[in-house]
Amino acid sequence: MNWDQIQGNWKQFKGQMQERWGDLTEDDLDQAAGNREQLEGKIQERYGKTKEEAREEVDQLVAELKD
């Protein structure tokens, strides 16, 4: 699965993202609206992660969704 597929089915994947990053609100995910950079920014804000750490976590999620 690639990011375009996630973006196209954003509403379907929001629940999985909220499970993984429980501090992200539904509003946070709605604001990101499938935009990877915005999602990574929200993860940085809520969890105090670096840009690289947030990117790695999103990469992990994408890899898991491929399985």
Protein backbone atom coordinates (compact mmCIF):
# COMPACT_ATOMS: atom_id res chain seq x y z
CA MET A 1 0.00 0.00 0.00
CA ASN A 2 1.27 3.46 -0.76
CA TRP A 3 0.40 6.86 0.66
CA ASP A 4 -1.91 7.68 -2.28
CA GLN A 5 -4.08 4.72 -1.33
CA ILE A 6 -4.17 5.79 2.31
CA GLN A 7 -5.01 9.33 1.30
CA GLY A 8 -7.80 8.10 -0.97
CA ASN A 9 -9.30 6.05 1.87
CA TRP A 10 -8.50 8.47 4.69
CA LYS A 11 -11.73 7.95 6.60
CA GLN A 12 -11.17 4.20 6.59
CA PHE A 13 -7.66 4.53 8.05
CA LYS A 14 -8.35 7.27 10.60
CA GLY A 15 -9.39 4.71 13.22
CA GLN A 16 -6.15 2.79 12.85
CA MET A 17 -4.18 5.99 13.18
CA GLN A 18 -6.09 7.00 16.27
CA GLU A 19 -5.39 3.57 17.79
CA ARG A 20 -1.67 3.98 17.15
CA TRP A 21 -1.46 7.65 18.14
CA GLY A 22 -4.15 7.95 20.80
CA ASP A 23 -3.24 11.54 21.62
CA LEU A 24 -4.28 12.63 18.13
CA THR A 25 -7.83 13.90 18.15
CA GLU A 26 -10.37 13.36 15.44
CA ASP A 27 -9.95 17.06 14.64
CA ASP A 28 -6.19 16.55 14.22
CA LEU A 29 -6.82 13.76 11.74
CA ASP A 30 -9.53 15.74 9.95
CA GLN A 31 -7.12 18.66 9.60
CA ALA A 32 -4.44 16.39 8.18
CA ALA A 33 -7.04 15.08 5.70
CA GLY A 34 -4.63 12.60 4.14
CA ASN A 35 -1.71 15.00 3.93
CA ARG A 36 1.29 13.06 5.15
CA GLU A 37 3.32 16.12 6.14
CA GLN A 38 0.45 17.48 8.22
CA LEU A 39 0.01 14.10 9.92
CA GLU A 40 3.71 13.99 10.73
CA GLY A 41 3.47 17.55 12.09
CA LYS A 42 0.58 16.59 14.36
CA ILE A 43 2.58 13.61 15.65
CA GLN A 44 5.51 15.93 16.33
CA GLU A 45 3.29 18.38 18.23
CA ARG A 46 1.46 15.82 20.36
CA TYR A 47 4.39 13.53 21.15
CA GLY A 48 7.40 15.87 21.08
CA LYS A 49 9.04 13.85 18.33
CA THR A 50 11.55 15.07 15.79
CA LYS A 51 10.53 15.32 12.16
CA GLU A 52 12.56 12.20 11.39
CA GLU A 53 10.99 10.21 14.24
CA ALA A 54 7.49 11.16 13.08
CA ARG A 55 8.35 10.19 9.50
CA GLU A 56 9.69 6.81 10.66
CA GLU A 57 6.51 6.13 12.64
CA VAL A 58 4.34 6.92 9.62
CA ASP A 59 6.59 4.71 7.47
CA GLN A 60 6.05 1.89 10.00
CA LEU A 61 2.28 2.33 9.79
CA VAL A 62 2.35 2.23 5.99
CA ALA A 63 4.48 -0.95 6.08
CA GLU A 64 2.06 -2.60 8.51
CA LEU A 65 -0.91 -1.71 6.34
CA LYS A 66 0.79 -3.51 3.43
CA ASP A 67 0.63 -6.81 5.35
